[in-house]
PDB file of N, CA and C in Angstrom:
ATOM      1  N   UNK A   1     -13.701   5.178   7.775  1.00  0.00           N
ATOM      2  CA  UNK A   1     -14.547   4.059   7.480  1.00  0.00           C
ATOM      3  C   UNK A   1     -13.866   2.816   7.988  1.00  0.00           C
ATOM      4  N   UNK A   2     -14.616   1.959   8.643  1.00  0.00           N
ATOM      5  CA  UNK A   2     -14.091   0.686   9.123  1.00  0.00           C
ATOM      6  C   UNK A   2     -14.138  -0.299   7.966  1.00  0.00           C
ATOM      7  N   UNK A   3     -13.022  -0.994   7.759  1.00  0.00           N
ATOM      8  CA  UNK A   3     -12.938  -1.851   6.591  1.00  0.00           C
ATOM      9  C   UNK A   3     -13.035  -3.330   6.900  1.00  0.00           C
ATOM     10  N   UNK A   4     -12.562  -3.739   8.039  1.00  0.00           N
ATOM     11  CA  UNK A   4     -12.467  -5.160   8.322  1.00  0.00           C
ATOM     12  C   UNK A   4     -12.603  -5.345   9.824  1.00  0.00           C
ATOM     13  N   UNK A   5     -13.575  -6.109  10.314  1.00  0.00           N
ATOM     14  CA  UNK A   5     -13.804  -6.179  11.744  1.00  0.00           C
ATOM     15  C   UNK A   5     -12.710  -6.885  12.533  1.00  0.00           C
ATOM     16  N   UNK A   6     -12.067  -7.869  11.962  1.00  0.00           N
ATOM     17  CA  UNK A   6     -11.045  -8.634  12.669  1.00  0.00           C
ATOM     18  C   UNK A   6      -9.819  -8.778  11.790  1.00  0.00           C
ATOM     19  N   UNK A   7      -8.665  -8.748  12.405  1.00  0.00           N
ATOM     20  CA  UNK A   7      -7.456  -8.996  11.627  1.00  0.00           C
ATOM     21  C   UNK A   7      -7.220 -10.492  11.550  1.00  0.00           C
ATOM     22  N   UNK A   8      -6.752 -10.951  10.411  1.00  0.00           N
ATOM     23  CA  UNK A   8      -6.444 -12.359  10.230  1.00  0.00           C
ATOM     24  C   UNK A   8      -5.251 -12.716  11.107  1.00  0.00           C
ATOM     25  N   UNK A   9      -5.253 -13.917  11.603  1.00  0.00           N
ATOM     26  CA  UNK A   9      -4.162 -14.337  12.484  1.00  0.00           C
ATOM     27  C   UNK A   9      -2.819 -14.259  11.792  1.00  0.00           C
ATOM     28  N   UNK A  10      -1.898 -13.581  12.466  1.00  0.00           N
ATOM     29  CA  UNK A  10      -0.541 -13.505  11.962  1.00  0.00           C
ATOM     30  C   UNK A  10      -0.365 -12.662  10.716  1.00  0.00           C
ATOM     31  N   UNK A  11      -1.391 -11.943  10.306  1.00  0.00           N
ATOM     32  CA  UNK A  11      -1.298 -11.113   9.109  1.00  0.00           C
ATOM     33  C   UNK A  11      -1.642  -9.676   9.453  1.00  0.00           C
ATOM     34  N   UNK A  12      -1.106  -8.789   8.649  1.00  0.00           N
ATOM     35  CA  UNK A  12      -1.488  -7.383   8.772  1.00  0.00           C
ATOM     36  C   UNK A  12      -2.695  -7.141   7.883  1.00  0.00           C
ATOM     37  N   UNK A  13      -3.746  -6.615   8.480  1.00  0.00           N
ATOM     38  CA  UNK A  13      -4.899  -6.218   7.680  1.00  0.00           C
ATOM     39  C   UNK A  13      -5.205  -4.751   7.975  1.00  0.00           C
ATOM     40  N   UNK A  14      -5.887  -4.133   7.063  1.00  0.00           N
ATOM     41  CA  UNK A  14      -6.253  -2.732   7.216  1.00  0.00           C
ATOM     42  C   UNK A  14      -7.634  -2.711   7.851  1.00  0.00           C
ATOM     43  N   UNK A  15      -7.683  -2.219   9.077  1.00  0.00           N
ATOM     44  CA  UNK A  15      -8.934  -2.252   9.827  1.00  0.00           C
ATOM     45  C   UNK A  15      -9.754  -0.982   9.682  1.00  0.00           C
ATOM     46  N   UNK A  16      -9.149   0.100   9.207  1.00  0.00           N
ATOM     47  CA  UNK A  16      -9.897   1.334   8.964  1.00  0.00           C
ATOM     48  C   UNK A  16      -9.039   2.279   8.129  1.00  0.00           C
ATOM     49  N   UNK A  17      -9.716   3.170   7.426  1.00  0.00           N
ATOM     50  CA  UNK A  17      -9.005   4.264   6.765  1.00  0.00           C
ATOM     51  C   UNK A  17      -9.930   5.460   6.727  1.00  0.00           C
ATOM     52  N   UNK A  18      -9.335   6.623   6.752  1.00  0.00           N
ATOM     53  CA  UNK A  18     -10.108   7.852   6.726  1.00  0.00           C
ATOM     54  C   UNK A  18      -9.210   8.988   6.281  1.00  0.00           C
ATOM     55  N   UNK A  19      -9.738  10.173   6.326  1.00  0.00           N
ATOM     56  CA  UNK A  19      -8.975  11.333   5.898  1.00  0.00           C
ATOM     57  C   UNK A  19      -7.763  11.508   6.802  1.00  0.00           C
ATOM     58  N   UNK A  20      -6.588  11.287   6.263  1.00  0.00           N
ATOM     59  CA  UNK A  20      -5.362  11.503   7.012  1.00  0.00           C
ATOM     60  C   UNK A  20      -4.905  10.368   7.899  1.00  0.00           C
ATOM     61  N   UNK A  21      -5.505   9.185   7.764  1.00  0.00           N
ATOM     62  CA  UNK A  21      -5.044   8.060   8.579  1.00  0.00           C
ATOM     63  C   UNK A  21      -5.435   6.718   7.978  1.00  0.00           C
ATOM     64  N   UNK A  22      -4.700   5.699   8.420  1.00  0.00           N
ATOM     65  CA  UNK A  22      -4.988   4.303   8.106  1.00  0.00           C
ATOM     66  C   UNK A  22      -4.733   3.524   9.385  1.00  0.00           C
ATOM     67  N   UNK A  23      -5.555   2.515   9.654  1.00  0.00           N
ATOM     68  CA  UNK A  23      -5.313   1.642  10.797  1.00  0.00           C
ATOM     69  C   UNK A  23      -4.930   0.264  10.302  1.00  0.00           C
ATOM     70  N   UNK A  24      -3.828  -0.246  10.857  1.00  0.00           N
ATOM     71  CA  UNK A  24      -3.351  -1.591  10.562  1.00  0.00           C
ATOM     72  C   UNK A  24      -3.529  -2.402  11.843  1.00  0.00           C
ATOM     73  N   UNK A  25      -4.355  -3.439  11.792  1.00  0.00           N
ATOM     74  CA  UNK A  25      -4.650  -4.265  12.973  1.00  0.00           C
ATOM     75  C   UNK A  25      -5.024  -3.393  14.168  1.00  0.00           C
ATOM     76  N   UNK A  26      -5.786  -2.333  13.913  1.00  0.00           N
ATOM     77  CA  UNK A  26      -6.266  -1.455  14.970  1.00  0.00           C
ATOM     78  C   UNK A  26      -5.297  -0.363  15.393  1.00  0.00           C
ATOM     79  N   UNK A  27      -4.113  -0.353  14.853  1.00  0.00           N
ATOM     80  CA  UNK A  27      -3.112   0.671  15.190  1.00  0.00           C
ATOM     81  C   UNK A  27      -3.167   1.786  14.154  1.00  0.00           C
ATOM     82  N   UNK A  28      -3.322   3.000  14.619  1.00  0.00           N
ATOM     83  CA  UNK A  28      -3.519   4.162  13.742  1.00  0.00           C
ATOM     84  C   UNK A  28      -2.185   4.730  13.256  1.00  0.00           C
ATOM     85  N   UNK A  29      -2.121   5.013  11.948  1.00  0.00           N
ATOM     86  CA  UNK A  29      -0.959   5.639  11.325  1.00  0.00           C
ATOM     87  C   UNK A  29      -1.420   6.898  10.602  1.00  0.00           C
ATOM     88  N   UNK A  30      -0.646   7.969  10.756  1.00  0.00           N
ATOM     89  CA  UNK A  30      -0.987   9.234  10.100  1.00  0.00           C
ATOM     90  C   UNK A  30       0.088   9.642   9.089  1.00  0.00           C
ATOM     91  N   UNK A  31       0.937   8.692   8.733  1.00  0.00           N
ATOM     92  CA  UNK A  31       1.982   8.959   7.740  1.00  0.00           C
ATOM     93  C   UNK A  31       2.052   7.769   6.780  1.00  0.00           C
ATOM     94  N   UNK A  32       2.645   7.982   5.644  1.00  0.00           N
ATOM     95  CA  UNK A  32       2.707   6.956   4.596  1.00  0.00           C
ATOM     96  C   UNK A  32       3.408   5.705   5.100  1.00  0.00           C
ATOM     97  N   UNK A  33       2.980   4.552   4.541  1.00  0.00           N
ATOM     98  CA  UNK A  33       3.534   3.275   4.968  1.00  0.00           C
ATOM     99  C   UNK A  33       3.367   2.237   3.878  1.00  0.00           C
ATOM    100  N   UNK A  34       4.028   1.093   4.080  1.00  0.00           N
ATOM    101  CA  UNK A  34       3.931  -0.037   3.165  1.00  0.00           C
ATOM    102  C   UNK A  34       3.502  -1.237   3.995  1.00  0.00           C
ATOM    103  N   UNK A  35       2.475  -1.948   3.524  1.00  0.00           N
ATOM    104  CA  UNK A  35       1.974  -3.100   4.276  1.00  0.00           C
ATOM    105  C   UNK A  35       1.714  -4.269   3.335  1.00  0.00           C
ATOM    106  N   UNK A  36       2.066  -5.443   3.809  1.00  0.00           N
ATOM    107  CA  UNK A  36       1.756  -6.706   3.150  1.00  0.00           C
ATOM    108  C   UNK A  36       1.266  -7.649   4.229  1.00  0.00           C
ATOM    109  N   UNK A  37       0.769  -8.812   3.882  1.00  0.00           N
ATOM    110  CA  UNK A  37       0.246  -9.727   4.897  1.00  0.00           C
ATOM    111  C   UNK A  37       1.233 -10.016   6.029  1.00  0.00           C
ATOM    112  N   UNK A  38       2.512 -10.054   5.716  1.00  0.00           N
ATOM    113  CA  UNK A  38       3.532 -10.330   6.734  1.00  0.00           C
ATOM    114  C   UNK A  38       4.647  -9.280   6.733  1.00  0.00           C
ATOM    115  N   UNK A  39       4.332  -8.101   6.234  1.00  0.00           N
ATOM    116  CA  UNK A  39       5.338  -7.034   6.108  1.00  0.00           C
ATOM    117  C   UNK A  39       4.704  -5.695   6.493  1.00  0.00           C
ATOM    118  N   UNK A  40       5.388  -4.955   7.350  1.00  0.00           N
ATOM    119  CA  UNK A  40       4.942  -3.605   7.679  1.00  0.00           C
ATOM    120  C   UNK A  40       6.157  -2.700   7.761  1.00  0.00           C
ATOM    121  N   UNK A  41       6.182  -1.698   6.901  1.00  0.00           N
ATOM    122  CA  UNK A  41       7.218  -0.673   6.939  1.00  0.00           C
ATOM    123  C   UNK A  41       6.509   0.628   7.251  1.00  0.00           C
ATOM    124  N   UNK A  42       6.557   1.006   8.498  1.00  0.00           N
ATOM    125  CA  UNK A  42       5.860   2.220   8.909  1.00  0.00           C
ATOM    126  C   UNK A  42       6.718   3.465   8.733  1.00  0.00           C
ATOM    127  N   UNK A  43       7.880   3.319   8.113  1.00  0.00           N
ATOM    128  CA  UNK A  43       8.780   4.450   7.894  1.00  0.00           C
ATOM    129  C   UNK A  43       9.016   4.721   6.409  1.00  0.00           C
ATOM    130  N   UNK A  44       8.015   4.471   5.576  1.00  0.00           N
ATOM    131  CA  UNK A  44       8.164   4.743   4.147  1.00  0.00           C
ATOM    132  C   UNK A  44       8.249   6.255   3.966  1.00  0.00           C
ATOM    133  N   UNK A  45       9.342   6.777   3.432  1.00  0.00           N
ATOM    134  CA  UNK A  45       9.577   8.223   3.429  1.00  0.00           C
ATOM    135  C   UNK A  45       8.912   8.987   2.280  1.00  0.00           C
ATOM    136  N   UNK A  46       7.622   8.811   2.107  1.00  0.00           N
ATOM    137  CA  UNK A  46       6.913   9.505   1.033  1.00  0.00           C
ATOM    138  C   UNK A  46       5.798  10.334   1.672  1.00  0.00           C
ATOM    139  N   UNK A  47       5.998  11.642   1.723  1.00  0.00           N
ATOM    140  CA  UNK A  47       5.031  12.512   2.387  1.00  0.00           C
ATOM    141  C   UNK A  47       3.815  12.824   1.516  1.00  0.00           C
ATOM    142  N   UNK A  48       3.952  12.702   0.210  1.00  0.00           N
ATOM    143  CA  UNK A  48       2.866  12.985  -0.708  1.00  0.00           C
ATOM    144  C   UNK A  48       3.233  12.469  -2.092  1.00  0.00           C
ATOM    145  N   UNK A  49       2.278  12.531  -3.008  1.00  0.00           N
ATOM    146  CA  UNK A  49       2.522  12.003  -4.351  1.00  0.00           C
ATOM    147  C   UNK A  49       3.732  12.663  -5.003  1.00  0.00           C
ATOM    148  N   UNK A  50       3.899  13.957  -4.813  1.00  0.00           N
ATOM    149  CA  UNK A  50       5.016  14.667  -5.435  1.00  0.00           C
ATOM    150  C   UNK A  50       6.372  14.204  -4.917  1.00  0.00           C
ATOM    151  N   UNK A  51       6.401  13.553  -3.773  1.00  0.00           N
ATOM    152  CA  UNK A  51       7.659  13.058  -3.196  1.00  0.00           C
ATOM    153  C   UNK A  51       8.009  11.653  -3.688  1.00  0.00           C
ATOM    154  N   UNK A  52       7.121  11.042  -4.464  1.00  0.00           N
ATOM    155  CA  UNK A  52       7.374   9.699  -4.996  1.00  0.00           C
ATOM    156  C   UNK A  52       8.533   9.759  -5.975  1.00  0.00           C
ATOM    157  N   UNK A  53       9.521   8.892  -5.764  1.00  0.00           N
ATOM    158  CA  UNK A  53      10.671   8.860  -6.665  1.00  0.00           C
ATOM    159  C   UNK A  53      11.198   7.434  -6.752  1.00  0.00           C
ATOM    160  N   UNK A  54      12.197   7.246  -7.601  1.00  0.00           N
ATOM    161  CA  UNK A  54      12.762   5.912  -7.810  1.00  0.00           C
ATOM    162  C   UNK A  54      13.320   5.332  -6.514  1.00  0.00           C
ATOM    163  N   UNK A  55      13.934   6.158  -5.698  1.00  0.00           N
ATOM    164  CA  UNK A  55      14.525   5.674  -4.446  1.00  0.00           C
ATOM    165  C   UNK A  55      13.468   5.152  -3.475  1.00  0.00           C
ATOM    166  N   UNK A  56      12.274   5.690  -3.514  1.00  0.00           N
ATOM    167  CA  UNK A  56      11.221   5.228  -2.605  1.00  0.00           C
ATOM    168  C   UNK A  56      10.480   4.010  -3.148  1.00  0.00           C
ATOM    169  N   UNK A  57      10.508   3.799  -4.461  1.00  0.00           N
ATOM    170  CA  UNK A  57       9.789   2.671  -5.052  1.00  0.00           C
ATOM    171  C   UNK A  57      10.659   1.443  -5.320  1.00  0.00           C
ATOM    172  N   UNK A  58      11.902   1.648  -5.686  1.00  0.00           N
ATOM    173  CA  UNK A  58      12.765   0.526  -6.073  1.00  0.00           C
ATOM    174  C   UNK A  58      12.858  -0.559  -4.992  1.00  0.00           C
ATOM    175  N   UNK A  59      13.023  -0.234  -3.714  1.00  0.00           N
ATOM    176  CA  UNK A  59      13.116  -1.293  -2.698  1.00  0.00           C
ATOM    177  C   UNK A  59      11.853  -2.154  -2.591  1.00  0.00           C
ATOM    178  N   UNK A  60      10.717  -1.613  -2.974  1.00  0.00           N
ATOM    179  CA  UNK A  60       9.460  -2.364  -2.886  1.00  0.00           C
ATOM    180  C   UNK A  60       9.442  -3.533  -3.864  1.00  0.00           C
ATOM    181  N   UNK A  61      10.158  -3.410  -4.964  1.00  0.00           N
ATOM    182  CA  UNK A  61      10.192  -4.474  -5.970  1.00  0.00           C
ATOM    183  C   UNK A  61      10.913  -5.719  -5.463  1.00  0.00           C
ATOM    184  N   UNK A  62      11.664  -5.596  -4.372  1.00  0.00           N
ATOM    185  CA  UNK A  62      12.381  -6.732  -3.807  1.00  0.00           C
ATOM    186  C   UNK A  62      11.556  -7.485  -2.756  1.00  0.00           C
ATOM    187  N   UNK A  63      10.404  -6.962  -2.402  1.00  0.00           N
ATOM    188  CA  UNK A  63       9.552  -7.596  -1.393  1.00  0.00           C
ATOM    189  C   UNK A  63       8.643  -8.595  -2.098  1.00  0.00           C
ATOM    190  N   UNK A  64       8.667  -9.860  -1.708  1.00  0.00           N
ATOM    191  CA  UNK A  64       7.817 -10.855  -2.374  1.00  0.00           C
ATOM    192  C   UNK A  64       6.328 -10.499  -2.242  1.00  0.00           C
ATOM    193  N   UNK A  65       5.639 -10.478  -3.380  1.00  0.00           N
ATOM    194  CA  UNK A  65       4.208 -10.162  -3.377  1.00  0.00           C
ATOM    195  C   UNK A  65       3.604 -10.584  -4.714  1.00  0.00           C
ATOM    196  N   UNK A  66       2.274 -10.639  -4.739  1.00  0.00           N
ATOM    197  CA  UNK A  66       1.551 -10.948  -5.974  1.00  0.00           C
ATOM    198  C   UNK A  66       1.355  -9.705  -6.835  1.00  0.00           C
ATOM    199  N   UNK A  67       1.099  -8.578  -6.168  1.00  0.00           N
ATOM    200  CA  UNK A  67       0.796  -7.327  -6.856  1.00  0.00           C
ATOM    201  C   UNK A  67       1.094  -6.178  -5.895  1.00  0.00           C
ATOM    202  N   UNK A  68       1.475  -5.034  -6.440  1.00  0.00           N
ATOM    203  CA  UNK A  68       1.668  -3.827  -5.639  1.00  0.00           C
ATOM    204  C   UNK A  68       0.465  -2.920  -5.868  1.00  0.00           C
ATOM    205  N   UNK A  69      -0.137  -2.491  -4.770  1.00  0.00           N
ATOM    206  CA  UNK A  69      -1.235  -1.527  -4.817  1.00  0.00           C
ATOM    207  C   UNK A  69      -0.648  -0.189  -4.387  1.00  0.00           C
ATOM    208  N   UNK A  70      -0.586   0.745  -5.295  1.00  0.00           N
ATOM    209  CA  UNK A  70      -0.030   2.059  -4.993  1.00  0.00           C
ATOM    210  C   UNK A  70      -1.176   3.021  -4.709  1.00  0.00           C
ATOM    211  N   UNK A  71      -1.347   3.362  -3.440  1.00  0.00           N
ATOM    212  CA  UNK A  71      -2.362   4.328  -3.024  1.00  0.00           C
ATOM    213  C   UNK A  71      -1.758   5.714  -3.054  1.00  0.00           C
ATOM    214  N   UNK A  72      -2.252   6.564  -3.935  1.00  0.00           N
ATOM    215  CA  UNK A  72      -1.598   7.843  -4.218  1.00  0.00           C
ATOM    216  C   UNK A  72      -2.161   9.025  -3.435  1.00  0.00           C
ATOM    217  N   UNK A  73      -2.863   8.758  -2.351  1.00  0.00           N
ATOM    218  CA  UNK A  73      -3.414   9.846  -1.542  1.00  0.00           C
ATOM    219  C   UNK A  73      -4.913   9.959  -1.719  1.00  0.00           C
ATOM    220  N   UNK A  74      -5.439  11.141  -1.480  1.00  0.00           N
ATOM    221  CA  UNK A  74      -6.900  11.353  -1.565  1.00  0.00           C
ATOM    222  C   UNK A  74      -7.439  11.158  -2.979  1.00  0.00           C
ATOM    223  N   UNK A  75      -6.586  11.432  -3.964  1.00  0.00           N
ATOM    224  CA  UNK A  75      -6.985  11.276  -5.363  1.00  0.00           C
ATOM    225  C   UNK A  75      -6.021  10.370  -6.082  1.00  0.00           C
ATOM    226  N   UNK A  76      -6.492   9.783  -7.141  1.00  0.00           N
ATOM    227  CA  UNK A  76      -5.652   8.920  -7.960  1.00  0.00           C
ATOM    228  C   UNK A  76      -4.753   9.779  -8.846  1.00  0.00           C
ATOM    229  N   UNK A  77      -3.459   9.499  -8.788  1.00  0.00           N
ATOM    230  CA  UNK A  77      -2.465  10.152  -9.635  1.00  0.00           C
ATOM    231  C   UNK A  77      -1.603   9.054 -10.240  1.00  0.00           C
ATOM    232  N   UNK A  78      -1.246   9.194 -11.477  1.00  0.00           N
ATOM    233  CA  UNK A  78      -0.408   8.179 -12.119  1.00  0.00           C
ATOM    234  C   UNK A  78       1.043   8.629 -12.144  1.00  0.00           C
ATOM    235  N   UNK A  79       1.941   7.796 -11.600  1.00  0.00           N
ATOM    236  CA  UNK A  79       3.362   8.153 -11.645  1.00  0.00           C
ATOM    237  C   UNK A  79       3.914   7.992 -13.063  1.00  0.00           C
ATOM    238  N   UNK A  80       5.041   8.623 -13.299  1.00  0.00           N
ATOM    239  CA  UNK A  80       5.728   8.472 -14.580  1.00  0.00           C
ATOM    240  C   UNK A  80       6.070   7.004 -14.790  1.00  0.00           C
ATOM    241  N   UNK A  81       5.885   6.476 -15.993  1.00  0.00           N
ATOM    242  CA  UNK A  81       6.182   5.063 -16.249  1.00  0.00           C
ATOM    243  C   UNK A  81       7.588   4.640 -15.837  1.00  0.00           C
ATOM    244  N   UNK A  82       8.558   5.522 -15.942  1.00  0.00           N
ATOM    245  CA  UNK A  82       9.937   5.180 -15.557  1.00  0.00           C
ATOM    246  C   UNK A  82      10.033   4.798 -14.083  1.00  0.00           C
ATOM    247  N   UNK A  83       9.173   5.378 -13.240  1.00  0.00           N
ATOM    248  CA  UNK A  83       9.203   5.045 -11.812  1.00  0.00           C
ATOM    249  C   UNK A  83       8.734   3.623 -11.541  1.00  0.00           C
ATOM    250  N   UNK A  84       7.951   3.075 -12.445  1.00  0.00           N
ATOM    251  CA  UNK A  84       7.420   1.723 -12.263  1.00  0.00           C
ATOM    252  C   UNK A  84       8.321   0.652 -12.876  1.00  0.00           C
ATOM    253  N   UNK A  85       9.407   1.057 -13.498  1.00  0.00           N
ATOM    254  CA  UNK A  85      10.319   0.129 -14.162  1.00  0.00           C
ATOM    255  C   UNK A  85      10.822  -1.000 -13.256  1.00  0.00           C
ATOM    256  N   UNK A  86      11.165  -0.750 -11.982  1.00  0.00           N
ATOM    257  CA  UNK A  86      11.630  -1.858 -11.137  1.00  0.00           C
ATOM    258  C   UNK A  86      10.590  -2.978 -10.996  1.00  0.00           C
ATOM    259  N   UNK A  87       9.321  -2.630 -10.992  1.00  0.00           N
ATOM    260  CA  UNK A  87       8.262  -3.636 -10.885  1.00  0.00           C
ATOM    261  C   UNK A  87       8.138  -4.429 -12.183  1.00  0.00           C
ATOM    262  N   UNK A  88       8.264  -3.731 -13.315  1.00  0.00           N
ATOM    263  CA  UNK A  88       8.208  -4.423 -14.597  1.00  0.00           C
ATOM    264  C   UNK A  88       9.374  -5.401 -14.725  1.00  0.00           C
ATOM    265  N   UNK A  89      10.562  -4.966 -14.307  1.00  0.00           N
ATOM    266  CA  UNK A  89      11.742  -5.830 -14.375  1.00  0.00           C
ATOM    267  C   UNK A  89      11.579  -7.061 -13.483  1.00  0.00           C
ATOM    268  N   UNK A  90      10.895  -6.890 -12.350  1.00  0.00           N
ATOM    269  CA  UNK A  90      10.675  -8.012 -11.422  1.00  0.00           C
ATOM    270  C   UNK A  90       9.406  -8.800 -11.768  1.00  0.00           C
ATOM    271  N   UNK A  91       8.718  -8.390 -12.825  1.00  0.00           N
ATOM    272  CA  UNK A  91       7.475  -9.042 -13.275  1.00  0.00           C
ATOM    273  C   UNK A  91       6.395  -9.018 -12.192  1.00  0.00           C
ATOM    274  N   UNK A  92       6.263  -7.845 -11.553  1.00  0.00           N
ATOM    275  CA  UNK A  92       5.248  -7.617 -10.526  1.00  0.00           C
ATOM    276  C   UNK A  92       4.267  -6.580 -11.068  1.00  0.00           C
ATOM    277  N   UNK A  93       2.993  -6.909 -11.028  1.00  0.00           N
ATOM    278  CA  UNK A  93       1.976  -5.968 -11.469  1.00  0.00           C
ATOM    279  C   UNK A  93       1.792  -4.843 -10.466  1.00  0.00           C
ATOM    280  N   UNK A  94       1.426  -3.668 -10.979  1.00  0.00           N
ATOM    281  CA  UNK A  94       1.175  -2.497 -10.135  1.00  0.00           C
ATOM    282  C   UNK A  94      -0.196  -1.947 -10.488  1.00  0.00           C
ATOM    283  N   UNK A  95      -1.000  -1.730  -9.468  1.00  0.00           N
ATOM    284  CA  UNK A  95      -2.301  -1.091  -9.642  1.00  0.00           C
ATOM    285  C   UNK A  95      -2.246   0.249  -8.918  1.00  0.00           C
ATOM    286  N   UNK A  96      -2.581   1.315  -9.616  1.00  0.00           N
ATOM    287  CA  UNK A  96      -2.534   2.663  -9.061  1.00  0.00           C
ATOM    288  C   UNK A  96      -3.961   3.120  -8.787  1.00  0.00           C
ATOM    289  N   UNK A  97      -4.200   3.579  -7.566  1.00  0.00           N
ATOM    290  CA  UNK A  97      -5.542   4.042  -7.172  1.00  0.00           C
ATOM    291  C   UNK A  97      -5.403   5.004  -5.999  1.00  0.00           C
ATOM    292  N   UNK A  98      -6.507   5.638  -5.610  1.00  0.00           N
ATOM    293  CA  UNK A  98      -6.424   6.479  -4.420  1.00  0.00           C
ATOM    294  C   UNK A  98      -6.218   5.568  -3.202  1.00  0.00           C
ATOM    295  N   UNK A  99      -5.776   6.136  -2.100  1.00  0.00           N
ATOM    296  CA  UNK A  99      -5.400   5.338  -0.936  1.00  0.00           C
ATOM    297  C   UNK A  99      -6.581   4.565  -0.352  1.00  0.00           C
ATOM    298  N   UNK A 100      -7.755   5.154  -0.295  1.00  0.00           N
ATOM    299  CA  UNK A 100      -8.914   4.429   0.251  1.00  0.00           C
ATOM    300  C   UNK A 100      -9.240   3.201  -0.599  1.00  0.00           C
ATOM    301  N   UNK A 101      -9.184   3.340  -1.903  1.00  0.00           N
ATOM    302  CA  UNK A 101      -9.431   2.195  -2.791  1.00  0.00           C
ATOM    303  C   UNK A 101      -8.357   1.133  -2.627  1.00  0.00           C
ATOM    304  N   UNK A 102      -7.109   1.554  -2.451  1.00  0.00           N
ATOM    305  CA  UNK A 102      -6.020   0.600  -2.237  1.00  0.00           C
ATOM    306  C   UNK A 102      -6.234  -0.178  -0.941  1.00  0.00           C
ATOM    307  N   UNK A 103      -6.724   0.490   0.093  1.00  0.00           N
ATOM    308  CA  UNK A 103      -7.000  -0.186   1.368  1.00  0.00           C
ATOM    309  C   UNK A 103      -8.090  -1.242   1.202  1.00  0.00           C
ATOM    310  N   UNK A 104      -9.154  -0.900   0.516  1.00  0.00           N
ATOM    311  CA  UNK A 104     -10.246  -1.862   0.298  1.00  0.00           C
ATOM    312  C   UNK A 104      -9.767  -3.041  -0.545  1.00  0.00           C
ATOM    313  N   UNK A 105      -9.040  -2.751  -1.603  1.00  0.00           N
ATOM    314  CA  UNK A 105      -8.547  -3.799  -2.494  1.00  0.00           C
ATOM    315  C   UNK A 105      -7.581  -4.723  -1.760  1.00  0.00           C
ATOM    316  N   UNK A 106      -6.726  -4.154  -0.940  1.00  0.00           N
ATOM    317  CA  UNK A 106      -5.778  -4.950  -0.145  1.00  0.00           C
ATOM    318  C   UNK A 106      -6.521  -5.992   0.690  1.00  0.00           C
ATOM    319  N   UNK A 107      -7.545  -5.563   1.404  1.00  0.00           N
ATOM    320  CA  UNK A 107      -8.281  -6.504   2.266  1.00  0.00           C
ATOM    321  C   UNK A 107      -9.004  -7.579   1.462  1.00  0.00           C
ATOM    322  N   UNK A 108      -9.529  -7.222   0.323  1.00  0.00           N
ATOM    323  CA  UNK A 108     -10.177  -8.229  -0.527  1.00  0.00           C
ATOM    324  C   UNK A 108      -9.151  -9.274  -0.950  1.00  0.00           C
ATOM    325  N   UNK A 109      -7.979  -8.825  -1.359  1.00  0.00           N
ATOM    326  CA  UNK A 109      -6.955  -9.757  -1.833  1.00  0.00           C
ATOM    327  C   UNK A 109      -6.422 -10.660  -0.719  1.00  0.00           C
ATOM    328  N   UNK A 110      -6.196 -10.113   0.482  1.00  0.00           N
ATOM    329  CA  UNK A 110      -5.722 -11.008   1.543  1.00  0.00           C
ATOM    330  C   UNK A 110      -6.826 -11.970   1.969  1.00  0.00           C
ATOM    331  N   UNK A 111      -8.082 -11.542   1.832  1.00  0.00           N
ATOM    332  CA  UNK A 111      -9.205 -12.431   2.112  1.00  0.00           C
ATOM    333  C   UNK A 111      -9.268 -13.599   1.142  1.00  0.00           C
ATOM    334  N   UNK A 112      -8.736 -13.397  -0.056  1.00  0.00           N
ATOM    335  CA  UNK A 112      -8.676 -14.458  -1.067  1.00  0.00           C
ATOM    336  C   UNK A 112      -7.411 -15.311  -0.932  1.00  0.00           C
ATOM    337  N   UNK A 113      -6.585 -15.005   0.087  1.00  0.00           N
ATOM    338  CA  UNK A 113      -5.360 -15.758   0.274  1.00  0.00           C
ATOM    339  C   UNK A 113      -4.202 -15.280  -0.584  1.00  0.00           C
ATOM    340  N   UNK A 114      -4.344 -14.132  -1.202  1.00  0.00           N
ATOM    341  CA  UNK A 114      -3.278 -13.572  -2.039  1.00  0.00           C
ATOM    342  C   UNK A 114      -2.308 -12.781  -1.176  1.00  0.00           C
ATOM    343  N   UNK A 115      -1.207 -12.354  -1.772  1.00  0.00           N
ATOM    344  CA  UNK A 115      -0.163 -11.620  -1.045  1.00  0.00           C
ATOM    345  C   UNK A 115       0.089 -10.265  -1.706  1.00  0.00           C
ATOM    346  N   UNK A 116      -0.813  -9.306  -1.504  1.00  0.00           N
ATOM    347  CA  UNK A 116      -0.572  -7.976  -2.059  1.00  0.00           C
ATOM    348  C   UNK A 116       0.412  -7.186  -1.198  1.00  0.00           C
ATOM    349  N   UNK A 117       0.963  -6.149  -1.761  1.00  0.00           N
ATOM    350  CA  UNK A 117       1.770  -5.197  -1.042  1.00  0.00           C
ATOM    351  C   UNK A 117       1.147  -3.837  -1.313  1.00  0.00           C
ATOM    352  N   UNK A 118       0.738  -3.145  -0.267  1.00  0.00           N
ATOM    353  CA  UNK A 118       0.107  -1.843  -0.429  1.00  0.00           C
ATOM    354  C   UNK A 118       1.075  -0.749   0.010  1.00  0.00           C
ATOM    355  N   UNK A 119       1.426   0.126  -0.912  1.00  0.00           N
ATOM    356  CA  UNK A 119       2.238   1.299  -0.618  1.00  0.00           C
ATOM    357  C   UNK A 119       1.254   2.457  -0.546  1.00  0.00           C
ATOM    358  N   UNK A 120       1.010   2.948   0.662  1.00  0.00           N
ATOM    359  CA  UNK A 120      -0.078   3.892   0.907  1.00  0.00           C
ATOM    360  C   UNK A 120       0.443   5.276   1.263  1.00  0.00           C
ATOM    361  N   UNK A 121       0.123   6.239   0.416  1.00  0.00           N
ATOM    362  CA  UNK A 121       0.463   7.626   0.715  1.00  0.00           C
ATOM    363  C   UNK A 121      -0.671   8.201   1.551  1.00  0.00           C
ATOM    364  N   UNK A 122      -0.323   8.680   2.733  1.00  0.00           N
ATOM    365  CA  UNK A 122      -1.307   9.281   3.618  1.00  0.00           C
ATOM    366  C   UNK A 122      -0.971  10.758   3.713  1.00  0.00           C
ATOM    367  N   UNK A 123      -1.892  11.581   3.270  1.00  0.00           N
ATOM    368  CA  UNK A 123      -1.659  13.032   3.247  1.00  0.00           C
ATOM    369  C   UNK A 123      -2.179  13.666   4.527  1.00  0.00           C
TER     370      UNK A 123
END
């Protein structure tokens, strides 16, 4: 599904998402990644929800953002509360949803001038 026709200048936007892929500014990714308006980590080492651990989430709490959108793959899965502790300590809200919903929410928030960080698991 195409989500956003044009990318905002100087920002990363999600231009499409589908089964097994996400496009950032028209560039297709088939593996998990982290994206913010001015941040792209295309090497996020999380192959699936079961691979989510403290080591993969803790560094995200150091990235300046308004909220973290955790896209957990094709379906919504809730991580153990202990895994979200770094975000609570940094006073950053976390919203957990399936990856397609996280992509849509991300674009809405950047359209409002907010600074979300989307951690997207792509299965």
